[in-house]
Amino acid sequence: MNAPGHLPPDRGAQAREAHRVTLIGAVIDLAVGLLKIVAGWLVGSAALIADGIHSFSDLVTDGFVMAATHFGRQAPDSDHPYGHGRIETLATLWLGSVLIFVAGGIAWASLTRLLAGEPIPAPGLWAIGVAVASLAAKEWIFRYTMIVAKRIRSRLLEANAWHSRSDALSTGVVLVGLVAAQLGAGWVDAVAAIIVGIMVGQVGWRLLWESGRELIDTALPENDQVQMKAIAEAVPGVDSVHDLRTRSVGSHVVLDLHIVVPPRLTVSEAHEIGNTVSRQLRNAYPELADVTFHIDPEDDSDQIEHSLRPGLPLRQDVESMLDEAWQDCPAWQDRVALDLHYLAEQIDVSVYVSELPPQQSLEEAAQELRQASHELTWLGRLRVWQGPGKG
C-alpha cells in the first residue's frame, strides 16, 4: 500500500522560484546574444557569431523551461496520479535535441568556412572585451541557476544551468580564437567555432541520454538502492526487504518494495512497520514523492508471482469446508473466533473456544479436529485455544 510521508513541498513556490531564475537568465541571454552577433558581424568572426546563436538558443530554451516547470510542478490529479514530472523530462529531451541541432549547424558552417580558406581579419580589442563580459555573465547565471536547481530539486533547471555553462565554455573557446586572430592566426577562429559546436553537441547528447533513461524507467544508481534497502531493514520488526524498485518522474523518485515481517503479526502492526519504513526512507531521501510497500509474512522473492499460482481457499470457503468436516466436533461448535495464517502454501488454523467438555483437554480437542480433517490438504498447523481470540 501507499504510505504517507512528510508534508509535500510547495510546488507553486518551487515553480515561481524556477521562473524567476530562468527569467533573469533569459534577459542575460538576450543581451549577450545581441552583443555577440553584432560584434561578430562587424569584425567578421564566425566563432563570435556562432556563440551568439548559441546564446539565442539559450533564450528559446529558457521560455520552454518556464512553461515546463509551470506544468511539470503541478500537483497530481485523477489523470496523472504520479504528478506531471514527465513534462520536465520531455522538455529536457527537447532541450537536448535543440542543442544537437544547433551544434551541427555551427560546426558545419565553420568547417565550410575553414576549408574555403576565407580570410579572417583581426577582431579588435573591443570584440575581445565583449567575449570576456559574455563569459563572466554566463558563468554567473550558471552558478545562480544551479543553486536554485539543487534547492528545488529540478533536473530540468539543472540541465538549463549546464546549458548556460556550455555557453560560457564555448565563449572561452571563442575568446581564444579571437585573441589568436588578433595576433594574425585567423584560422584559429574557425577552428574555435567547430570546437564550440562539438561542445554544444556533447551537452545535448548528455541531456538526451539522461532524459531517455528516465523515460524508460531506469532505476536509481546501485549504491542508492543498497542504502535504501539498508535503511528499511534497520527498522525494528523488518526481517528483510526484497523487490525494491525505483524510477524517476521528473525531479522526483517513486519507490516500491516488499517488506518481510514476522508471519503472525496483526495487520495493523505490520502496516505500522511499513509506515515507519516509509518515514525513514523519506527522511533520508527527500526527493521520494511516492513510497508503496507490500507486506509479506514470508520471503517469497525466489517464487513466482502468487497471482500466477493456484490460490488457497479464502475464509468463506475455509469455514464452509471446516464446518462440513468438523460438524460433530464440540470444539468447532463452541468456537468464538477463528484465525487463519496463510504460510508456506498452507493455511494454519487457530480455533478459539469458550469452553470444552469437562473430559476433553485442548490437546485432545485439537487431535479430534485434526483426525476429522485429514483430507484437507491445504490445512497446516492446527491449534485450539480457550478464550475470546484475537479478533
Protein backbone atom coordinates (compact mmCIF):
# COMPACT_ATOMS: atom_id res chain seq x y z
CA MET A 1 0.00 0.00 0.00
CA ASN A 2 0.96 3.63 -0.41
CA ALA A 3 2.42 5.17 2.71
CA PRO A 4 2.02 8.79 3.79
CA GLY A 5 5.18 10.77 4.42
CA HIS A 6 6.16 14.24 5.44
CA LEU A 7 4.35 17.27 4.03
CA PRO A 8 4.91 17.61 0.26
CA PRO A 9 6.96 20.55 -1.00
CA ASP A 10 5.19 23.72 -2.10
CA ARG A 11 5.13 23.05 -5.84
CA GLY A 12 3.80 26.53 -6.58
CA ALA A 13 6.66 28.20 -4.72
CA GLN A 14 9.16 25.95 -6.49
CA ALA A 15 7.71 26.86 -9.89
CA ARG A 16 7.86 30.57 -9.08
CA GLU A 17 11.49 30.31 -7.99
CA ALA A 18 12.35 28.40 -11.16
CA HIS A 19 10.57 31.05 -13.27
CA ARG A 20 12.43 33.88 -11.56
CA VAL A 21 15.91 32.49 -12.15
CA THR A 22 15.03 31.44 -15.71
CA LEU A 23 13.67 34.91 -16.49
CA ILE A 24 16.87 36.51 -15.23
CA GLY A 25 18.83 34.11 -17.39
CA ALA A 26 16.67 34.95 -20.41
CA VAL A 27 17.39 38.67 -20.03
CA ILE A 28 21.12 37.94 -19.86
CA ASP A 29 20.89 35.59 -22.86
CA LEU A 30 19.13 38.27 -24.91
CA ALA A 31 21.69 40.94 -24.10
CA VAL A 32 24.69 38.66 -24.53
CA GLY A 33 23.38 37.14 -27.75
CA LEU A 34 22.83 40.52 -29.37
CA LEU A 35 26.27 41.75 -28.34
CA LYS A 36 27.98 38.64 -29.73
CA ILE A 37 26.18 38.64 -33.06
CA VAL A 38 26.62 42.36 -33.66
CA ALA A 39 30.28 42.25 -32.67
CA GLY A 40 30.90 39.10 -34.71
CA TRP A 41 29.24 40.60 -37.80
CA LEU A 42 31.19 43.85 -37.52
CA VAL A 43 34.60 42.16 -37.13
CA GLY A 44 33.86 39.11 -39.34
CA SER A 45 34.27 36.49 -36.60
CA ALA A 46 32.38 33.27 -37.35
CA ALA A 47 33.16 31.95 -33.88
CA LEU A 48 31.63 35.00 -32.17
CA ILE A 49 28.52 34.86 -34.38
CA ALA A 50 28.17 31.12 -33.68
CA ASP A 51 28.49 31.81 -29.99
CA GLY A 52 25.78 34.47 -30.28
CA ILE A 53 23.46 31.95 -31.93
CA HIS A 54 24.19 29.61 -29.03
CA SER A 55 23.11 32.36 -26.63
CA PHE A 56 19.87 32.85 -28.56
CA SER A 57 19.26 29.11 -28.36
CA ASP A 58 19.52 29.57 -24.61
CA LEU A 59 16.85 32.27 -24.86
CA VAL A 60 14.47 29.92 -26.70
CA THR A 61 15.00 27.12 -24.23
CA ASP A 62 14.55 29.50 -21.30
CA GLY A 63 10.97 30.08 -22.43
CA PHE A 64 10.42 26.36 -22.83
CA VAL A 65 11.86 25.69 -19.38
CA MET A 66 9.49 28.22 -17.82
CA ALA A 67 6.48 26.51 -19.42
CA ALA A 68 7.70 23.03 -18.48
CA THR A 69 8.40 23.91 -14.85
CA HIS A 70 4.97 25.53 -14.57
CA PHE A 71 3.08 22.47 -15.79
CA GLY A 72 5.56 19.90 -14.52
CA ARG A 73 5.32 21.13 -10.93
CA GLN A 74 1.53 20.88 -10.77
CA ALA A 75 0.11 18.56 -8.14
CA PRO A 76 -1.10 15.05 -9.05
CA ASP A 77 -4.65 14.74 -10.34
CA SER A 78 -7.02 11.93 -11.34
CA ASP A 79 -5.43 11.59 -14.80
CA HIS A 80 -1.86 11.89 -13.52
CA PRO A 81 -1.71 10.20 -10.09
CA TYR A 82 2.10 10.30 -10.07
CA GLY A 83 2.18 14.01 -10.87
CA HIS A 84 3.31 15.82 -14.03
CA GLY A 85 7.05 15.33 -13.68
CA ARG A 86 7.33 13.66 -17.07
CA ILE A 87 6.64 17.08 -18.63
CA GLU A 88 10.02 18.20 -17.32
CA THR A 89 11.55 15.00 -18.69
CA LEU A 90 10.09 15.61 -22.16
CA ALA A 91 11.27 19.23 -22.01
CA THR A 92 14.79 18.07 -21.18
CA LEU A 93 14.62 15.67 -24.12
CA TRP A 94 13.58 18.52 -26.39
CA LEU A 95 16.30 20.76 -24.96
CA GLY A 96 18.94 18.16 -25.78
CA SER A 97 17.61 17.81 -29.34
CA VAL A 98 17.75 21.56 -29.88
CA LEU A 99 21.33 21.69 -28.67
CA ILE A 100 22.42 18.92 -31.04
CA PHE A 101 20.68 20.65 -33.97
CA VAL A 102 22.36 23.98 -33.15
CA ALA A 103 25.71 22.25 -32.68
CA GLY A 104 25.51 20.62 -36.10
CA GLY A 105 24.73 23.93 -37.81
CA ILE A 106 27.58 25.74 -36.07
CA ALA A 107 30.15 23.06 -36.79
CA TRP A 108 29.13 22.63 -40.44
CA ALA A 109 29.16 26.34 -41.26
CA SER A 110 32.53 26.83 -39.58
CA LEU A 111 34.08 23.77 -41.24
CA THR A 112 32.93 25.02 -44.65
CA ARG A 113 34.48 28.39 -43.97
CA LEU A 114 37.74 26.84 -42.78
CA LEU A 115 38.05 24.62 -45.86
CA ALA A 116 37.24 27.55 -48.16
CA GLY A 117 40.18 29.44 -46.67
CA GLU A 118 38.30 32.70 -46.29
CA PRO A 119 40.50 35.45 -44.79
CA ILE A 120 39.60 36.37 -41.19
CA PRO A 121 40.60 39.89 -40.10
CA ALA A 122 41.79 40.82 -36.61
CA PRO A 123 38.67 41.37 -34.46
CA GLY A 124 39.95 44.22 -32.32
CA LEU A 125 40.14 44.60 -28.56
CA TRP A 126 36.50 45.66 -28.14
CA ALA A 127 35.29 42.35 -29.65
CA ILE A 128 37.54 40.52 -27.22
CA GLY A 129 36.04 42.62 -24.42
CA VAL A 130 32.52 41.54 -25.50
CA ALA A 131 33.61 37.91 -25.24
CA VAL A 132 35.08 38.43 -21.76
CA ALA A 133 31.93 40.19 -20.48
CA SER A 134 29.76 37.46 -22.00
CA LEU A 135 31.79 34.71 -20.37
CA ALA A 136 31.50 36.36 -16.95
CA ALA A 137 27.72 36.86 -17.31
CA LYS A 138 27.05 33.28 -18.41
CA GLU A 139 29.20 31.81 -15.66
CA TRP A 140 27.30 33.84 -13.08
CA ILE A 141 23.88 32.73 -14.34
CA PHE A 142 25.12 29.12 -14.40
CA ARG A 143 26.06 29.24 -10.73
CA TYR A 144 22.86 31.04 -9.72
CA THR A 145 20.64 28.62 -11.67
CA MET A 146 22.46 25.59 -10.29
CA ILE A 147 21.92 26.78 -6.70
CA VAL A 148 18.18 27.12 -7.32
CA ALA A 149 18.02 23.80 -9.20
CA LYS A 150 19.54 21.92 -6.28
CA ARG A 151 17.34 23.70 -3.76
CA ILE A 152 14.09 22.79 -5.54
CA ARG A 153 15.50 19.51 -6.93
CA SER A 154 14.73 20.27 -10.57
CA ARG A 155 16.62 18.20 -13.12
CA LEU A 156 15.29 20.38 -15.93
CA LEU A 157 16.56 23.55 -14.27
CA GLU A 158 19.89 21.85 -13.65
CA ALA A 159 20.03 20.94 -17.35
CA ASN A 160 19.32 24.56 -18.24
CA ALA A 161 22.11 25.64 -15.92
CA TRP A 162 24.52 23.38 -17.76
CA HIS A 163 23.20 24.84 -20.99
CA SER A 164 24.37 28.22 -19.67
CA ARG A 165 27.70 26.70 -18.62
CA SER A 166 28.15 25.28 -22.14
CA ASP A 167 27.69 28.81 -23.47
CA ALA A 168 30.30 30.09 -21.02
CA LEU A 169 32.73 27.36 -22.04
CA SER A 170 32.13 27.95 -25.73
CA THR A 171 32.69 31.67 -25.18
CA GLY A 172 36.01 30.77 -23.59
CA VAL A 173 36.99 28.84 -26.70
CA VAL A 174 35.82 31.73 -28.87
CA LEU A 175 37.93 34.10 -26.77
CA VAL A 176 40.99 32.02 -27.56
CA GLY A 177 40.10 32.21 -31.27
CA LEU A 178 39.63 35.98 -31.12
CA VAL A 179 42.97 36.51 -29.41
CA ALA A 180 44.64 34.26 -31.98
CA ALA A 181 43.00 36.18 -34.83
CA GLN A 182 44.16 39.43 -33.26
CA LEU A 183 47.69 38.04 -33.35
CA GLY A 184 47.36 37.06 -37.01
CA ALA A 185 46.27 33.41 -36.79
CA GLY A 186 42.76 33.97 -38.17
CA TRP A 187 42.15 30.30 -38.97
CA VAL A 188 42.02 29.61 -35.21
CA ASP A 189 38.68 31.47 -35.15
CA ALA A 190 37.06 28.91 -37.46
CA VAL A 191 38.59 26.01 -35.52
CA ALA A 192 37.28 27.54 -32.29
CA ALA A 193 33.78 27.70 -33.80
CA ILE A 194 33.97 24.00 -34.71
CA ILE A 195 35.06 23.16 -31.16
CA VAL A 196 32.12 25.19 -29.84
CA GLY A 197 29.78 23.09 -31.98
CA ILE A 198 31.26 19.86 -30.66
CA MET A 199 30.96 21.04 -27.06
CA VAL A 200 27.34 22.08 -27.53
CA GLY A 201 26.57 18.74 -29.17
CA GLN A 202 28.08 16.84 -26.26
CA VAL A 203 25.85 18.66 -23.78
CA GLY A 204 22.82 17.96 -25.96
CA TRP A 205 23.67 14.27 -26.20
CA ARG A 206 24.08 14.01 -22.43
CA LEU A 207 20.65 15.56 -21.88
CA LEU A 208 19.10 13.20 -24.44
CA TRP A 209 20.74 10.21 -22.78
CA GLU A 210 19.67 11.11 -19.24
CA SER A 211 16.08 12.01 -20.12
CA GLY A 212 15.79 8.92 -22.31
CA ARG A 213 16.91 6.71 -19.43
CA GLU A 214 14.28 8.33 -17.25
CA LEU A 215 11.52 7.73 -19.81
CA ILE A 216 12.26 4.00 -19.82
CA ASP A 217 12.10 3.95 -16.00
CA THR A 218 15.80 3.37 -15.33
CA ALA A 219 16.44 2.68 -11.65
CA LEU A 220 18.46 4.89 -9.33
CA PRO A 221 22.18 4.08 -9.03
CA GLU A 222 23.01 0.80 -7.32
CA ASN A 223 24.54 2.46 -4.26
CA ASP A 224 21.27 4.38 -3.63
CA GLN A 225 19.26 1.17 -3.85
CA VAL A 226 21.62 -0.60 -1.45
CA GLN A 227 21.33 2.30 1.00
CA MET A 228 17.53 2.33 0.77
CA LYS A 229 17.41 -1.40 1.46
CA ALA A 230 19.69 -0.99 4.48
CA ILE A 231 17.51 1.82 5.89
CA ALA A 232 14.37 -0.29 5.52
CA GLU A 233 15.91 -3.41 7.07
CA ALA A 234 17.14 -1.40 10.06
CA VAL A 235 13.54 -0.70 11.16
CA PRO A 236 12.53 -2.92 14.14
CA GLY A 237 10.15 -5.67 13.05
CA VAL A 238 11.51 -5.91 9.50
CA ASP A 239 13.00 -9.32 8.75
CA SER A 240 14.16 -8.48 5.24
CA VAL A 241 13.37 -6.45 2.11
CA HIS A 242 13.15 -7.62 -1.48
CA ASP A 243 11.87 -6.48 -4.89
CA LEU A 244 12.95 -2.89 -4.17
CA ARG A 245 12.32 -0.89 -7.34
CA THR A 246 12.92 2.77 -8.11
CA ARG A 247 12.24 5.10 -11.01
CA SER A 248 12.41 8.82 -11.63
CA VAL A 249 9.46 11.03 -12.52
CA GLY A 250 10.89 14.44 -13.37
CA SER A 251 12.65 15.74 -10.28
CA HIS A 252 11.01 13.17 -8.00
CA VAL A 253 11.57 9.48 -7.30
CA VAL A 254 8.99 6.70 -6.99
CA LEU A 255 9.82 3.65 -4.85
CA ASP A 256 8.06 0.35 -4.19
CA LEU A 257 9.32 -2.54 -2.11
CA HIS A 258 8.30 -5.75 -0.35
CA ILE A 259 8.79 -5.83 3.43
CA VAL A 260 9.02 -9.21 5.16
CA VAL A 261 7.72 -9.19 8.74
CA PRO A 262 7.14 -11.97 11.32
CA PRO A 263 4.31 -14.13 9.95
CA ARG A 264 1.85 -13.89 12.85
CA LEU A 265 1.76 -10.13 13.33
CA THR A 266 -1.60 -8.43 13.19
CA VAL A 267 -2.43 -6.49 10.05
CA SER A 268 -2.33 -3.17 11.90
CA GLU A 269 1.10 -3.82 13.44
CA ALA A 270 2.58 -4.91 10.11
CA HIS A 271 1.08 -1.83 8.46
CA GLU A 272 2.62 0.48 11.06
CA ILE A 273 6.01 -1.16 10.49
CA GLY A 274 5.58 -0.35 6.80
CA ASN A 275 4.70 3.26 7.62
CA THR A 276 7.85 3.54 9.73
CA VAL A 277 9.94 2.21 6.84
CA SER A 278 8.36 4.82 4.57
CA ARG A 279 9.08 7.65 7.02
CA GLN A 280 12.71 6.62 7.44
CA LEU A 281 13.23 6.42 3.69
CA ARG A 282 11.61 9.80 3.07
CA ASN A 283 13.75 11.41 5.76
CA ALA A 284 16.89 10.04 4.11
CA TYR A 285 15.74 10.76 0.54
CA PRO A 286 13.55 13.92 0.42
CA GLU A 287 13.11 13.51 -3.33
CA LEU A 288 10.91 10.45 -2.73
CA ALA A 289 7.45 11.53 -3.88
CA ASP A 290 5.73 8.16 -3.58
CA VAL A 291 6.57 5.07 -1.49
CA THR A 292 4.48 1.93 -1.98
CA PHE A 293 5.16 -1.04 0.27
CA HIS A 294 3.84 -4.59 0.23
CA ILE A 295 3.82 -6.56 3.48
CA ASP A 296 4.97 -10.20 3.20
CA PRO A 297 4.57 -12.73 6.05
CA GLU A 298 7.39 -14.76 4.49
CA ASP A 299 10.15 -14.20 1.95
CA ASP A 300 8.73 -15.12 -1.45
CA SER A 301 11.43 -13.39 -3.53
CA ASP A 302 12.50 -16.68 -5.15
CA GLN A 303 8.98 -17.76 -6.03
CA ILE A 304 6.79 -16.87 -8.98
CA GLU A 305 4.04 -14.33 -8.51
CA HIS A 306 1.33 -15.51 -6.15
CA SER A 307 -1.34 -14.45 -8.62
CA LEU A 308 0.07 -16.92 -11.17
CA ARG A 309 -0.17 -19.91 -8.80
CA PRO A 310 -3.28 -21.89 -7.81
CA GLY A 311 -4.73 -20.00 -4.87
CA LEU A 312 -5.65 -21.25 -1.43
CA PRO A 313 -9.31 -21.01 -0.36
CA LEU A 314 -10.37 -17.78 1.34
CA ARG A 315 -12.15 -17.52 4.70
CA GLN A 316 -15.68 -18.10 3.42
CA ASP A 317 -14.69 -21.33 1.66
CA VAL A 318 -12.42 -22.38 4.53
CA GLU A 319 -15.23 -22.06 7.07
CA SER A 320 -17.59 -23.98 4.79
CA MET A 321 -15.16 -26.87 4.38
CA LEU A 322 -14.25 -26.91 8.07
CA ASP A 323 -17.93 -26.84 9.02
CA GLU A 324 -18.51 -29.88 6.86
CA ALA A 325 -15.51 -31.75 8.32
CA TRP A 326 -15.94 -30.68 11.97
CA GLN A 327 -19.72 -30.51 12.33
CA ASP A 328 -19.67 -33.21 15.03
CA CYS A 329 -16.71 -31.81 16.99
CA PRO A 330 -17.56 -29.91 20.23
CA ALA A 331 -14.57 -27.57 19.86
CA TRP A 332 -15.85 -26.38 16.49
CA GLN A 333 -19.44 -26.00 17.65
CA ASP A 334 -18.35 -23.94 20.68
CA ARG A 335 -15.90 -21.72 18.79
CA VAL A 336 -15.88 -17.97 19.39
CA ALA A 337 -13.16 -16.97 16.90
CA LEU A 338 -11.13 -18.38 14.04
CA ASP A 339 -7.69 -17.14 12.94
CA LEU A 340 -6.18 -18.08 9.57
CA HIS A 341 -2.49 -17.69 8.63
CA TYR A 342 -1.51 -18.30 5.01
CA LEU A 343 2.06 -19.59 5.23
CA ALA A 344 4.22 -21.95 3.17
CA GLU A 345 1.40 -22.80 0.75
CA GLN A 346 -0.83 -23.97 3.59
CA ILE A 347 -3.33 -22.42 5.98
CA ASP A 348 -2.55 -22.53 9.69
CA VAL A 349 -5.78 -22.58 11.71
CA SER A 350 -6.32 -21.40 15.29
CA VAL A 351 -9.71 -22.18 16.83
CA TYR A 352 -10.76 -20.25 19.93
CA VAL A 353 -13.40 -21.84 22.14
CA SER A 354 -15.40 -20.56 25.10
CA GLU A 355 -15.38 -23.93 26.87
CA LEU A 356 -14.84 -27.64 26.26
CA PRO A 357 -16.48 -30.79 27.64
CA PRO A 358 -15.03 -31.50 31.13
CA GLN A 359 -13.41 -34.71 29.94
CA GLN A 360 -11.61 -33.12 26.92
CA SER A 361 -8.39 -31.11 27.03
CA LEU A 362 -7.25 -28.55 24.45
CA GLU A 363 -4.71 -31.04 23.05
CA GLU A 364 -7.38 -33.70 22.73
CA ALA A 365 -9.73 -31.28 21.03
CA ALA A 366 -7.01 -30.35 18.52
CA GLN A 367 -6.31 -34.05 17.86
CA GLU A 368 -10.02 -34.68 17.22
CA LEU A 369 -10.17 -31.82 14.75
CA ARG A 370 -7.03 -33.00 13.00
CA GLN A 371 -8.37 -36.53 12.54
CA ALA A 372 -11.68 -35.21 11.18
CA SER A 373 -9.95 -33.04 8.57
CA HIS A 374 -7.19 -35.34 7.30
CA GLU A 375 -8.49 -34.97 3.72
CA LEU A 376 -7.99 -31.18 3.68
CA THR A 377 -4.57 -30.99 2.04
CA TRP A 378 -4.29 -27.23 2.50
CA LEU A 379 -4.60 -27.46 6.30
CA GLY A 380 -1.31 -26.66 8.01
CA ARG A 381 -0.69 -26.11 11.69
CA LEU A 382 -3.80 -26.58 13.84
CA ARG A 383 -4.22 -25.23 17.39
CA VAL A 384 -7.11 -24.89 19.80
CA TRP A 385 -7.17 -22.03 22.33
CA GLN A 386 -9.58 -21.17 25.11
CA GLY A 387 -10.52 -17.52 25.22
CA PRO A 388 -12.07 -14.76 23.13
CA GLY A 389 -9.45 -14.90 20.36
CA LYS A 390 -7.53 -12.07 18.67
CA GLY A 391 -10.47 -10.61 16.81
